[in-house]
Amino acid sequence: MLPRIALTMGDVAGIGPEVIVRAWRDGSLADWCRPVVVGDADVLRRAIQLVGADLAVQPVDDVAAGAAAPDTIPCWNPSHINVAQVLPGVNDSRAGAAAYDWLAAAAQAALAGQVDAVVTAPLSKAALHLAGREYPGHTEILAEFCGVRDFAMMLYLPGLATESGKSHSLGVVHATLHTSIRSVPQLLSESLIIGKIRLIAGFLESLGTSRPRIAVCALNPHAGEEGLFGDEEQTTIAPAVAAAARDGLNVVGPLPADTVFLRAVSGEFDGVVAMYHDQGHIALKLVGRRRAVNVTLGLPIVRTSPSHGTAFDIAWQGRAHPEGLIEALRVAVKLCRP
């Protein structure tokens, strides 16, 4: 049986509805998974008109329902929020509230075994806050629903070509995530970094990589230059790496961030632990362009998403690309299978 996927619509003011429709039309989704959109059927119909796709929407009462035909999108709406008047590209409390409701329902369905994975279109953190849901993003909401404290966001890039012509996959996990740059040094700890090393190693092993090679980024330029540019490498990061290595993990670091990603992309490492959001995101998004996928590690459910955001600047203009969402669905399907 094909894996059942709850595909949340995200923020209706962004590009989520459009990329869902384009992915359905261009990705032949029904051939390799059973996705059900968790969102608003009328918004989905508007996105179909925008794209000019020959698709129909089938409202369903059960997230586990399957599409009647490849050209029919089943849509389950567990929210009572009316998003019909939400304007494109504008933060709106209604959009934030609905996005939260859809995510919560999808997570609960996954925990109950009604679906095999959750794939999320992007939401707006600002709209979430306007709706009174003061979370930094998807990752933290899902961690709360699943009752876990040891979790991480990972960017994953499958099928990366190296200079030698070989292909490998690369994962980048983040020690800190949705927080200010100013707060990062205070948030870093030896136990935090060890936990992220273990999470990414476990993920890569689950995909069949034996003794994955993990590199840990430095926080400061030149890995602190022996304390001249900061001492976090000496006081926190290096001890964490040493402890993880003593536990049998194949890990090195701290390594200067301006060179470690070149080495990783070239095939020297299978995974990288970045110290903060942009340190990992910029590098992998630049290399992977639209193919990088977010994977939430540490959850009892499978959750992936495209690495792009709501893209309010191009929302509802017919300019969005579906490659990221299609890749997120493919990775989710792969993770569903033993």
C-alpha atoms as a PDB file:
ATOM      1  CA  MET A   1       0.000   0.000   0.000  1.00  0.00           C
ATOM      2  CA  LEU A   2       1.244   3.494  -0.818  1.00  0.00           C
ATOM      3  CA  PRO A   3       2.175   5.679   2.162  1.00  0.00           C
ATOM      4  CA  ARG A   4      -0.593   7.981   3.379  1.00  0.00           C
ATOM      5  CA  ILE A   5       0.552  11.606   3.662  1.00  0.00           C
ATOM      6  CA  ALA A   6      -1.171  14.496   5.442  1.00  0.00           C
ATOM      7  CA  LEU A   7      -0.162  17.545   3.373  1.00  0.00           C
ATOM      8  CA  THR A   8      -0.898  20.730   5.311  1.00  0.00           C
ATOM      9  CA  MET A   9      -1.742  23.865   3.347  1.00  0.00           C
ATOM     10  CA  GLY A  10       0.217  26.248   5.572  1.00  0.00           C
ATOM     11  CA  ASP A  11      -0.505  29.969   5.412  1.00  0.00           C
ATOM     12  CA  VAL A  12      -3.121  30.682   2.738  1.00  0.00           C
ATOM     13  CA  ALA A  13      -1.647  34.154   2.156  1.00  0.00           C
ATOM     14  CA  GLY A  14       1.577  32.550   0.938  1.00  0.00           C
ATOM     15  CA  ILE A  15       2.564  30.198  -1.854  1.00  0.00           C
ATOM     16  CA  GLY A  16       1.495  26.990  -0.090  1.00  0.00           C
ATOM     17  CA  PRO A  17      -1.778  26.465  -1.999  1.00  0.00           C
ATOM     18  CA  GLU A  18      -0.101  27.151  -5.343  1.00  0.00           C
ATOM     19  CA  VAL A  19       2.842  24.792  -4.797  1.00  0.00           C
ATOM     20  CA  ILE A  20       0.464  22.058  -3.636  1.00  0.00           C
ATOM     21  CA  VAL A  21      -1.508  22.318  -6.879  1.00  0.00           C
ATOM     22  CA  ARG A  22       1.620  22.471  -9.026  1.00  0.00           C
ATOM     23  CA  ALA A  23       3.130  19.483  -7.208  1.00  0.00           C
ATOM     24  CA  TRP A  24      -0.073  17.506  -7.719  1.00  0.00           C
ATOM     25  CA  ARG A  25      -0.121  18.328 -11.408  1.00  0.00           C
ATOM     26  CA  ASP A  26       3.599  18.015 -12.134  1.00  0.00           C
ATOM     27  CA  GLY A  27       4.731  15.343  -9.674  1.00  0.00           C
ATOM     28  CA  SER A  28       2.303  12.480 -10.460  1.00  0.00           C
ATOM     29  CA  LEU A  29       1.856  12.180  -6.697  1.00  0.00           C
ATOM     30  CA  ALA A  30      -0.854   9.543  -6.861  1.00  0.00           C
ATOM     31  CA  ASP A  31       1.641   7.135  -8.449  1.00  0.00           C
ATOM     32  CA  TRP A  32       3.846   6.920  -5.354  1.00  0.00           C
ATOM     33  CA  CYS A  33       1.897   8.170  -2.337  1.00  0.00           C
ATOM     34  CA  ARG A  34      -1.623   8.866  -1.061  1.00  0.00           C
ATOM     35  CA  PRO A  35      -1.632  12.525  -0.036  1.00  0.00           C
ATOM     36  CA  VAL A  36      -4.617  14.300   1.486  1.00  0.00           C
ATOM     37  CA  VAL A  37      -4.480  18.087   1.703  1.00  0.00           C
ATOM     38  CA  VAL A  38      -5.296  19.402   5.167  1.00  0.00           C
ATOM     39  CA  GLY A  39      -6.655  22.853   4.462  1.00  0.00           C
ATOM     40  CA  ASP A  40      -9.433  24.855   2.861  1.00  0.00           C
ATOM     41  CA  ALA A  41     -11.119  23.407  -0.249  1.00  0.00           C
ATOM     42  CA  ASP A  42     -12.187  26.783  -1.638  1.00  0.00           C
ATOM     43  CA  VAL A  43      -8.650  28.166  -1.349  1.00  0.00           C
ATOM     44  CA  LEU A  44      -7.412  25.067  -3.129  1.00  0.00           C
ATOM     45  CA  ARG A  45      -9.908  25.647  -5.954  1.00  0.00           C
ATOM     46  CA  ARG A  46      -8.679  29.235  -6.313  1.00  0.00           C
ATOM     47  CA  ALA A  47      -5.103  27.944  -6.578  1.00  0.00           C
ATOM     48  CA  ILE A  48      -6.198  25.489  -9.290  1.00  0.00           C
ATOM     49  CA  GLN A  49      -7.685  28.391 -11.255  1.00  0.00           C
ATOM     50  CA  LEU A  50      -4.509  30.427 -10.754  1.00  0.00           C
ATOM     51  CA  VAL A  51      -2.335  27.629 -12.110  1.00  0.00           C
ATOM     52  CA  GLY A  52      -4.772  26.593 -14.828  1.00  0.00           C
ATOM     53  CA  ALA A  53      -4.572  22.960 -13.782  1.00  0.00           C
ATOM     54  CA  ASP A  54      -7.066  20.335 -14.865  1.00  0.00           C
ATOM     55  CA  LEU A  55      -7.751  19.182 -11.319  1.00  0.00           C
ATOM     56  CA  ALA A  56     -10.782  18.826  -9.075  1.00  0.00           C
ATOM     57  CA  VAL A  57     -11.123  19.126  -5.295  1.00  0.00           C
ATOM     58  CA  GLN A  58     -12.926  16.476  -3.281  1.00  0.00           C
ATOM     59  CA  PRO A  59     -13.792  17.520   0.314  1.00  0.00           C
ATOM     60  CA  VAL A  60     -13.423  14.556   2.684  1.00  0.00           C
ATOM     61  CA  ASP A  61     -14.272  13.977   6.334  1.00  0.00           C
ATOM     62  CA  ASP A  62     -11.381  11.607   7.001  1.00  0.00           C
ATOM     63  CA  VAL A  63      -7.689  12.403   6.680  1.00  0.00           C
ATOM     64  CA  ALA A  64      -7.039   8.776   5.729  1.00  0.00           C
ATOM     65  CA  ALA A  65      -9.249   9.051   2.626  1.00  0.00           C
ATOM     66  CA  GLY A  66      -7.660   8.476  -0.734  1.00  0.00           C
ATOM     67  CA  ALA A  67      -8.125  10.347  -3.985  1.00  0.00           C
ATOM     68  CA  ALA A  68     -10.851   9.037  -6.250  1.00  0.00           C
ATOM     69  CA  ALA A  69      -8.600   9.667  -9.260  1.00  0.00           C
ATOM     70  CA  PRO A  70      -5.107  11.079  -9.955  1.00  0.00           C
ATOM     71  CA  ASP A  71      -6.675  14.360 -11.097  1.00  0.00           C
ATOM     72  CA  THR A  72      -8.711  14.749  -7.892  1.00  0.00           C
ATOM     73  CA  ILE A  73      -7.292  16.336  -4.729  1.00  0.00           C
ATOM     74  CA  PRO A  74      -8.925  15.131  -1.492  1.00  0.00           C
ATOM     75  CA  CYS A  75      -9.095  17.980   1.030  1.00  0.00           C
ATOM     76  CA  TRP A  76      -9.869  17.666   4.737  1.00  0.00           C
ATOM     77  CA  ASN A  77     -10.596  20.825   6.726  1.00  0.00           C
ATOM     78  CA  PRO A  78     -10.586  20.296  10.511  1.00  0.00           C
ATOM     79  CA  SER A  79     -10.574  24.060  11.184  1.00  0.00           C
ATOM     80  CA  HIS A  80     -13.580  26.337  11.611  1.00  0.00           C
ATOM     81  CA  ILE A  81     -11.617  29.493  10.728  1.00  0.00           C
ATOM     82  CA  ASN A  82     -12.951  31.338   7.678  1.00  0.00           C
ATOM     83  CA  VAL A  83      -9.969  32.259   5.508  1.00  0.00           C
ATOM     84  CA  ALA A  84     -11.930  33.345   2.443  1.00  0.00           C
ATOM     85  CA  GLN A  85     -11.090  37.031   2.900  1.00  0.00           C
ATOM     86  CA  VAL A  86      -7.387  36.646   3.690  1.00  0.00           C
ATOM     87  CA  LEU A  87      -5.367  38.810   1.304  1.00  0.00           C
ATOM     88  CA  PRO A  88      -2.306  37.507  -0.533  1.00  0.00           C
ATOM     89  CA  GLY A  89       1.061  38.395   0.949  1.00  0.00           C
ATOM     90  CA  VAL A  90      -0.304  39.864   4.193  1.00  0.00           C
ATOM     91  CA  ASN A  91       0.059  38.512   7.720  1.00  0.00           C
ATOM     92  CA  ASP A  92      -3.427  37.746   9.022  1.00  0.00           C
ATOM     93  CA  SER A  93      -4.504  36.218  12.325  1.00  0.00           C
ATOM     94  CA  ARG A  94      -7.103  34.103  10.517  1.00  0.00           C
ATOM     95  CA  ALA A  95      -4.458  32.532   8.313  1.00  0.00           C
ATOM     96  CA  GLY A  96      -2.237  31.903  11.333  1.00  0.00           C
ATOM     97  CA  ALA A  97      -5.051  30.306  13.313  1.00  0.00           C
ATOM     98  CA  ALA A  98      -6.098  28.054  10.438  1.00  0.00           C
ATOM     99  CA  ALA A  99      -2.513  26.996   9.717  1.00  0.00           C
ATOM    100  CA  TYR A 100      -2.115  26.025  13.364  1.00  0.00           C
ATOM    101  CA  ASP A 101      -5.372  24.046  13.350  1.00  0.00           C
ATOM    102  CA  TRP A 102      -4.377  22.150  10.203  1.00  0.00           C
ATOM    103  CA  LEU A 103      -0.943  21.319  11.579  1.00  0.00           C
ATOM    104  CA  ALA A 104      -2.348  20.196  14.923  1.00  0.00           C
ATOM    105  CA  ALA A 105      -4.913  17.933  13.257  1.00  0.00           C
ATOM    106  CA  ALA A 106      -2.311  16.430  10.918  1.00  0.00           C
ATOM    107  CA  ALA A 107       0.071  15.739  13.824  1.00  0.00           C
ATOM    108  CA  GLN A 108      -2.685  14.094  15.842  1.00  0.00           C
ATOM    109  CA  ALA A 109      -3.644  11.951  12.834  1.00  0.00           C
ATOM    110  CA  ALA A 110      -0.025  10.831  12.454  1.00  0.00           C
ATOM    111  CA  LEU A 111       0.281  10.028  16.160  1.00  0.00           C
ATOM    112  CA  ALA A 112      -2.923   7.987  15.901  1.00  0.00           C
ATOM    113  CA  GLY A 113      -1.554   6.043  12.927  1.00  0.00           C
ATOM    114  CA  GLN A 114      -4.160   7.395  10.501  1.00  0.00           C
ATOM    115  CA  VAL A 115      -1.408   8.695   8.207  1.00  0.00           C
ATOM    116  CA  ASP A 116       2.189   7.627   7.748  1.00  0.00           C
ATOM    117  CA  ALA A 117       3.750  11.088   7.516  1.00  0.00           C
ATOM    118  CA  VAL A 118       3.086  14.820   7.678  1.00  0.00           C
ATOM    119  CA  VAL A 119       4.414  17.122   4.958  1.00  0.00           C
ATOM    120  CA  THR A 120       3.934  20.822   5.616  1.00  0.00           C
ATOM    121  CA  ALA A 121       3.635  23.796   3.293  1.00  0.00           C
ATOM    122  CA  PRO A 122       5.120  26.955   4.846  1.00  0.00           C
ATOM    123  CA  LEU A 123       3.409  29.055   7.482  1.00  0.00           C
ATOM    124  CA  SER A 124       4.080  32.583   8.721  1.00  0.00           C
ATOM    125  CA  LYS A 125       5.486  32.894  12.230  1.00  0.00           C
ATOM    126  CA  ALA A 126       4.134  36.441  12.421  1.00  0.00           C
ATOM    127  CA  ALA A 127       0.617  35.269  11.520  1.00  0.00           C
ATOM    128  CA  LEU A 128       0.875  32.553  14.160  1.00  0.00           C
ATOM    129  CA  HIS A 129       1.680  35.209  16.748  1.00  0.00           C
ATOM    130  CA  LEU A 130      -1.215  37.388  15.577  1.00  0.00           C
ATOM    131  CA  ALA A 131      -3.447  34.378  16.231  1.00  0.00           C
ATOM    132  CA  GLY A 132      -2.094  34.044  19.772  1.00  0.00           C
ATOM    133  CA  ARG A 133       0.043  31.006  18.951  1.00  0.00           C
ATOM    134  CA  GLU A 134       3.467  32.183  20.085  1.00  0.00           C
ATOM    135  CA  TYR A 135       5.686  29.490  18.627  1.00  0.00           C
ATOM    136  CA  PRO A 136       8.856  30.027  16.584  1.00  0.00           C
ATOM    137  CA  GLY A 137       7.595  27.679  13.874  1.00  0.00           C
ATOM    138  CA  HIS A 138       6.496  24.209  12.767  1.00  0.00           C
ATOM    139  CA  THR A 139       9.310  22.378  14.543  1.00  0.00           C
ATOM    140  CA  GLU A 140       8.488  23.623  18.020  1.00  0.00           C
ATOM    141  CA  ILE A 141       4.733  23.069  17.602  1.00  0.00           C
ATOM    142  CA  LEU A 142       5.260  19.478  16.520  1.00  0.00           C
ATOM    143  CA  ALA A 143       7.729  18.817  19.335  1.00  0.00           C
ATOM    144  CA  GLU A 144       5.129  20.005  21.847  1.00  0.00           C
ATOM    145  CA  PHE A 145       2.365  17.876  20.333  1.00  0.00           C
ATOM    146  CA  CYS A 146       4.633  14.839  20.325  1.00  0.00           C
ATOM    147  CA  GLY A 147       5.881  15.462  23.842  1.00  0.00           C
ATOM    148  CA  VAL A 148       9.581  15.450  22.976  1.00  0.00           C
ATOM    149  CA  ARG A 149      12.364  17.731  24.182  1.00  0.00           C
ATOM    150  CA  ASP A 150      15.301  16.301  22.235  1.00  0.00           C
ATOM    151  CA  PHE A 151      14.568  17.367  18.656  1.00  0.00           C
ATOM    152  CA  ALA A 152      16.160  19.258  15.796  1.00  0.00           C
ATOM    153  CA  MET A 153      15.518  20.700  12.358  1.00  0.00           C
ATOM    154  CA  MET A 154      17.644  19.164   9.672  1.00  0.00           C
ATOM    155  CA  LEU A 155      18.086  20.278   6.083  1.00  0.00           C
ATOM    156  CA  TYR A 156      18.549  17.231   3.897  1.00  0.00           C
ATOM    157  CA  LEU A 157      19.810  17.184   0.335  1.00  0.00           C
ATOM    158  CA  PRO A 158      19.559  13.792  -1.409  1.00  0.00           C
ATOM    159  CA  GLY A 159      21.395  12.835  -4.588  1.00  0.00           C
ATOM    160  CA  LEU A 160      24.144  15.444  -4.366  1.00  0.00           C
ATOM    161  CA  ALA A 161      26.699  15.102  -7.176  1.00  0.00           C
ATOM    162  CA  THR A 162      30.369  15.378  -6.214  1.00  0.00           C
ATOM    163  CA  GLU A 163      33.302  16.450  -8.385  1.00  0.00           C
ATOM    164  CA  SER A 164      34.278  12.794  -8.819  1.00  0.00           C
ATOM    165  CA  GLY A 165      30.915  12.071 -10.397  1.00  0.00           C
ATOM    166  CA  LYS A 166      29.638  10.039  -7.461  1.00  0.00           C
ATOM    167  CA  SER A 167      26.362  10.861  -5.743  1.00  0.00           C
ATOM    168  CA  HIS A 168      25.781  11.170  -2.014  1.00  0.00           C
ATOM    169  CA  SER A 169      23.297  12.769   0.364  1.00  0.00           C
ATOM    170  CA  LEU A 170      24.041  15.465   2.918  1.00  0.00           C
ATOM    171  CA  GLY A 171      22.212  16.431   6.095  1.00  0.00           C
ATOM    172  CA  VAL A 172      22.703  19.585   8.151  1.00  0.00           C
ATOM    173  CA  VAL A 173      21.249  19.814  11.651  1.00  0.00           C
ATOM    174  CA  HIS A 174      21.168  22.982  13.740  1.00  0.00           C
ATOM    175  CA  ALA A 175      22.204  23.259  17.373  1.00  0.00           C
ATOM    176  CA  THR A 176      20.064  26.385  17.763  1.00  0.00           C
ATOM    177  CA  LEU A 177      17.237  27.304  15.450  1.00  0.00           C
ATOM    178  CA  HIS A 178      14.701  30.136  15.492  1.00  0.00           C
ATOM    179  CA  THR A 179      16.452  32.553  17.788  1.00  0.00           C
ATOM    180  CA  SER A 180      18.511  35.726  17.593  1.00  0.00           C
ATOM    181  CA  ILE A 181      22.205  35.640  16.733  1.00  0.00           C
ATOM    182  CA  ARG A 182      22.876  37.460  20.008  1.00  0.00           C
ATOM    183  CA  SER A 183      21.386  34.595  22.025  1.00  0.00           C
ATOM    184  CA  VAL A 184      23.268  31.748  20.320  1.00  0.00           C
ATOM    185  CA  PRO A 185      26.451  31.670  22.483  1.00  0.00           C
ATOM    186  CA  GLN A 186      24.379  31.526  25.682  1.00  0.00           C
ATOM    187  CA  LEU A 187      22.146  28.765  24.308  1.00  0.00           C
ATOM    188  CA  LEU A 188      24.993  26.481  23.264  1.00  0.00           C
ATOM    189  CA  SER A 189      25.969  23.755  25.695  1.00  0.00           C
ATOM    190  CA  GLU A 190      27.962  20.544  25.558  1.00  0.00           C
ATOM    191  CA  SER A 191      24.856  18.402  26.122  1.00  0.00           C
ATOM    192  CA  LEU A 192      22.906  20.280  23.430  1.00  0.00           C
ATOM    193  CA  ILE A 193      25.587  19.716  20.794  1.00  0.00           C
ATOM    194  CA  ILE A 194      26.042  16.052  21.736  1.00  0.00           C
ATOM    195  CA  GLY A 195      22.283  15.585  21.356  1.00  0.00           C
ATOM    196  CA  LYS A 196      22.291  17.045  17.836  1.00  0.00           C
ATOM    197  CA  ILE A 197      25.259  14.871  16.822  1.00  0.00           C
ATOM    198  CA  ARG A 198      23.371  11.788  17.987  1.00  0.00           C
ATOM    199  CA  LEU A 199      20.176  12.826  16.201  1.00  0.00           C
ATOM    200  CA  ILE A 200      21.783  13.349  12.805  1.00  0.00           C
ATOM    201  CA  ALA A 201      23.899  10.197  13.121  1.00  0.00           C
ATOM    202  CA  GLY A 202      20.802   8.177  13.961  1.00  0.00           C
ATOM    203  CA  PHE A 203      18.886   9.625  11.037  1.00  0.00           C
ATOM    204  CA  LEU A 204      21.639   8.872   8.548  1.00  0.00           C
ATOM    205  CA  GLU A 205      21.991   5.342   9.913  1.00  0.00           C
ATOM    206  CA  SER A 206      18.235   4.833   9.482  1.00  0.00           C
ATOM    207  CA  LEU A 207      18.707   5.587   5.779  1.00  0.00           C
ATOM    208  CA  GLY A 208      21.430   2.962   5.485  1.00  0.00           C
ATOM    209  CA  THR A 209      24.628   4.976   6.026  1.00  0.00           C
ATOM    210  CA  SER A 210      27.022   2.898   8.112  1.00  0.00           C
ATOM    211  CA  ARG A 211      29.012   4.953  10.646  1.00  0.00           C
ATOM    212  CA  PRO A 212      28.066   8.303   9.091  1.00  0.00           C
ATOM    213  CA  ARG A 213      30.833  10.885   8.997  1.00  0.00           C
ATOM    214  CA  ILE A 214      29.740  13.934  10.992  1.00  0.00           C
ATOM    215  CA  ALA A 215      31.443  17.329  11.019  1.00  0.00           C
ATOM    216  CA  VAL A 216      30.686  19.922  13.692  1.00  0.00           C
ATOM    217  CA  CYS A 217      30.919  23.601  12.802  1.00  0.00           C
ATOM    218  CA  ALA A 218      32.758  26.173  14.842  1.00  0.00           C
ATOM    219  CA  LEU A 219      30.781  29.180  16.013  1.00  0.00           C
ATOM    220  CA  ASN A 220      33.420  31.843  15.432  1.00  0.00           C
ATOM    221  CA  PRO A 221      35.533  32.721  12.356  1.00  0.00           C
ATOM    222  CA  HIS A 222      38.584  30.477  11.898  1.00  0.00           C
ATOM    223  CA  ALA A 223      37.207  28.225  14.673  1.00  0.00           C
ATOM    224  CA  GLY A 224      38.042  30.977  17.150  1.00  0.00           C
ATOM    225  CA  GLU A 225      41.730  31.185  16.140  1.00  0.00           C
ATOM    226  CA  GLU A 226      42.907  29.639  19.430  1.00  0.00           C
ATOM    227  CA  GLY A 227      40.680  31.951  21.462  1.00  0.00           C
ATOM    228  CA  LEU A 228      41.460  35.203  19.658  1.00  0.00           C
ATOM    229  CA  PHE A 229      37.935  35.458  18.177  1.00  0.00           C
ATOM    230  CA  GLY A 230      35.990  33.738  20.947  1.00  0.00           C
ATOM    231  CA  ASP A 231      36.385  30.722  23.196  1.00  0.00           C
ATOM    232  CA  GLU A 232      33.178  28.755  22.570  1.00  0.00           C
ATOM    233  CA  GLU A 233      35.141  26.265  20.472  1.00  0.00           C
ATOM    234  CA  GLN A 234      37.466  25.477  23.378  1.00  0.00           C
ATOM    235  CA  THR A 235      34.958  25.621  26.234  1.00  0.00           C
ATOM    236  CA  THR A 236      31.872  24.024  24.676  1.00  0.00           C
ATOM    237  CA  ILE A 237      32.087  22.657  21.129  1.00  0.00           C
ATOM    238  CA  ALA A 238      35.361  20.703  21.280  1.00  0.00           C
ATOM    239  CA  PRO A 239      34.410  18.958  24.549  1.00  0.00           C
ATOM    240  CA  ALA A 240      31.065  17.958  23.017  1.00  0.00           C
ATOM    241  CA  VAL A 241      32.770  16.512  19.952  1.00  0.00           C
ATOM    242  CA  ALA A 242      35.249  14.617  22.104  1.00  0.00           C
ATOM    243  CA  ALA A 243      32.451  13.174  24.257  1.00  0.00           C
ATOM    244  CA  ALA A 244      30.474  12.063  21.199  1.00  0.00           C
ATOM    245  CA  ALA A 245      33.597  10.435  19.735  1.00  0.00           C
ATOM    246  CA  ARG A 246      34.166   8.545  22.992  1.00  0.00           C
ATOM    247  CA  ASP A 247      30.607   7.237  22.618  1.00  0.00           C
ATOM    248  CA  GLY A 248      31.624   5.683  19.314  1.00  0.00           C
ATOM    249  CA  LEU A 249      30.297   8.296  16.894  1.00  0.00           C
ATOM    250  CA  ASN A 250      32.346   9.129  13.813  1.00  0.00           C
ATOM    251  CA  VAL A 251      32.601  12.873  14.414  1.00  0.00           C
ATOM    252  CA  VAL A 252      35.205  15.637  14.012  1.00  0.00           C
ATOM    253  CA  GLY A 253      35.296  19.325  14.878  1.00  0.00           C
ATOM    254  CA  PRO A 254      34.941  22.123  15.557  1.00  0.00           C
ATOM    255  CA  LEU A 255      35.786  23.023  11.973  1.00  0.00           C
ATOM    256  CA  PRO A 256      35.658  26.501  10.377  1.00  0.00           C
ATOM    257  CA  ALA A 257      32.224  26.952   8.813  1.00  0.00           C
ATOM    258  CA  ASP A 258      33.616  28.680   5.721  1.00  0.00           C
ATOM    259  CA  THR A 259      35.396  25.500   4.629  1.00  0.00           C
ATOM    260  CA  VAL A 260      33.473  22.634   6.202  1.00  0.00           C
ATOM    261  CA  PHE A 261      30.538  22.878   3.806  1.00  0.00           C
ATOM    262  CA  LEU A 262      32.800  22.703   0.755  1.00  0.00           C
ATOM    263  CA  ARG A 263      34.312  19.545   2.206  1.00  0.00           C
ATOM    264  CA  ALA A 264      30.869  18.117   2.985  1.00  0.00           C
ATOM    265  CA  VAL A 265      29.458  18.883  -0.463  1.00  0.00           C
ATOM    266  CA  SER A 266      32.550  17.247  -1.990  1.00  0.00           C
ATOM    267  CA  GLY A 267      31.646  14.025  -0.198  1.00  0.00           C
ATOM    268  CA  GLU A 268      33.975  14.065   2.824  1.00  0.00           C
ATOM    269  CA  PHE A 269      31.099  14.190   5.326  1.00  0.00           C
ATOM    270  CA  ASP A 270      27.571  12.746   5.431  1.00  0.00           C
ATOM    271  CA  GLY A 271      26.274  15.221   7.989  1.00  0.00           C
ATOM    272  CA  VAL A 272      27.117  18.596   9.503  1.00  0.00           C
ATOM    273  CA  VAL A 273      26.068  20.106  12.825  1.00  0.00           C
ATOM    274  CA  ALA A 274      25.698  23.883  12.413  1.00  0.00           C
ATOM    275  CA  MET A 275      25.617  26.164  15.425  1.00  0.00           C
ATOM    276  CA  TYR A 276      22.786  28.421  14.264  1.00  0.00           C
ATOM    277  CA  HIS A 277      20.065  28.723  11.633  1.00  0.00           C
ATOM    278  CA  ASP A 278      21.735  30.714   8.862  1.00  0.00           C
ATOM    279  CA  GLN A 279      25.095  28.990   9.224  1.00  0.00           C
ATOM    280  CA  GLY A 280      23.532  25.794   7.927  1.00  0.00           C
ATOM    281  CA  HIS A 281      20.637  27.095   5.869  1.00  0.00           C
ATOM    282  CA  ILE A 282      22.528  29.453   3.600  1.00  0.00           C
ATOM    283  CA  ALA A 283      25.116  26.869   2.625  1.00  0.00           C
ATOM    284  CA  LEU A 284      22.725  24.027   1.861  1.00  0.00           C
ATOM    285  CA  LYS A 285      20.108  26.178   0.141  1.00  0.00           C
ATOM    286  CA  LEU A 286      22.787  27.679  -2.085  1.00  0.00           C
ATOM    287  CA  VAL A 287      23.964  24.234  -3.135  1.00  0.00           C
ATOM    288  CA  GLY A 288      20.578  22.536  -3.254  1.00  0.00           C
ATOM    289  CA  ARG A 289      18.573  25.474  -4.557  1.00  0.00           C
ATOM    290  CA  ARG A 290      14.939  24.299  -4.416  1.00  0.00           C
ATOM    291  CA  ARG A 291      15.702  20.643  -3.623  1.00  0.00           C
ATOM    292  CA  ALA A 292      16.709  20.940   0.043  1.00  0.00           C
ATOM    293  CA  VAL A 293      14.170  19.380   2.409  1.00  0.00           C
ATOM    294  CA  ASN A 294      13.449  20.114   6.063  1.00  0.00           C
ATOM    295  CA  VAL A 295      13.209  16.986   8.224  1.00  0.00           C
ATOM    296  CA  THR A 296      12.292  17.225  11.900  1.00  0.00           C
ATOM    297  CA  LEU A 297      14.455  14.816  13.896  1.00  0.00           C
ATOM    298  CA  GLY A 298      13.505  13.311  17.238  1.00  0.00           C
ATOM    299  CA  LEU A 299       9.750  13.032  16.631  1.00  0.00           C
ATOM    300  CA  PRO A 300       7.798   9.761  16.842  1.00  0.00           C
ATOM    301  CA  ILE A 301       6.238  10.712  13.484  1.00  0.00           C
ATOM    302  CA  VAL A 302       7.686  11.524  10.060  1.00  0.00           C
ATOM    303  CA  ARG A 303       7.570  15.207   9.159  1.00  0.00           C
ATOM    304  CA  THR A 304       9.183  16.923   6.190  1.00  0.00           C
ATOM    305  CA  SER A 305       8.714  20.216   4.368  1.00  0.00           C
ATOM    306  CA  PRO A 306      10.233  22.226   1.537  1.00  0.00           C
ATOM    307  CA  SER A 307      13.007  24.533   2.707  1.00  0.00           C
ATOM    308  CA  HIS A 308      11.385  27.712   1.351  1.00  0.00           C
ATOM    309  CA  GLY A 309       9.064  30.007   3.273  1.00  0.00           C
ATOM    310  CA  THR A 310       5.722  31.619   2.528  1.00  0.00           C
ATOM    311  CA  ALA A 311       7.264  33.868  -0.167  1.00  0.00           C
ATOM    312  CA  PHE A 312       4.701  36.626   0.370  1.00  0.00           C
ATOM    313  CA  ASP A 313       6.455  38.705  -2.292  1.00  0.00           C
ATOM    314  CA  ILE A 314       5.297  36.331  -5.063  1.00  0.00           C
ATOM    315  CA  ALA A 315       2.209  34.841  -3.419  1.00  0.00           C
ATOM    316  CA  TRP A 316      -0.814  34.265  -5.690  1.00  0.00           C
ATOM    317  CA  GLN A 317       1.035  35.565  -8.745  1.00  0.00           C
ATOM    318  CA  GLY A 318       1.445  32.196 -10.472  1.00  0.00           C
ATOM    319  CA  ARG A 319       5.238  32.266 -10.057  1.00  0.00           C
ATOM    320  CA  ALA A 320       5.906  29.636  -7.369  1.00  0.00           C
ATOM    321  CA  HIS A 321       7.892  26.461  -8.048  1.00  0.00           C
ATOM    322  CA  PRO A 322       6.855  23.023  -6.694  1.00  0.00           C
ATOM    323  CA  GLU A 323      10.213  21.223  -6.751  1.00  0.00           C
ATOM    324  CA  GLY A 324      10.824  21.674  -3.024  1.00  0.00           C
ATOM    325  CA  LEU A 325       7.440  20.264  -2.063  1.00  0.00           C
ATOM    326  CA  ILE A 326       7.781  17.317  -4.443  1.00  0.00           C
ATOM    327  CA  GLU A 327      11.191  16.505  -2.951  1.00  0.00           C
ATOM    328  CA  ALA A 328       9.763  16.806   0.584  1.00  0.00           C
ATOM    329  CA  LEU A 329       7.062  14.295  -0.323  1.00  0.00           C
ATOM    330  CA  ARG A 330       9.647  11.917  -1.801  1.00  0.00           C
ATOM    331  CA  VAL A 331      11.806  12.071   1.321  1.00  0.00           C
ATOM    332  CA  ALA A 332       8.729  11.512   3.522  1.00  0.00           C
ATOM    333  CA  VAL A 333       7.816   8.419   1.505  1.00  0.00           C
ATOM    334  CA  LYS A 334      11.364   7.108   1.856  1.00  0.00           C
ATOM    335  CA  LEU A 335      11.303   7.637   5.628  1.00  0.00           C
ATOM    336  CA  CYS A 336       7.945   5.831   5.916  1.00  0.00           C
ATOM    337  CA  ARG A 337       9.371   2.642   4.495  1.00  0.00           C
ATOM    338  CA  PRO A 338      11.373   0.306   6.756  1.00  0.00           C
END
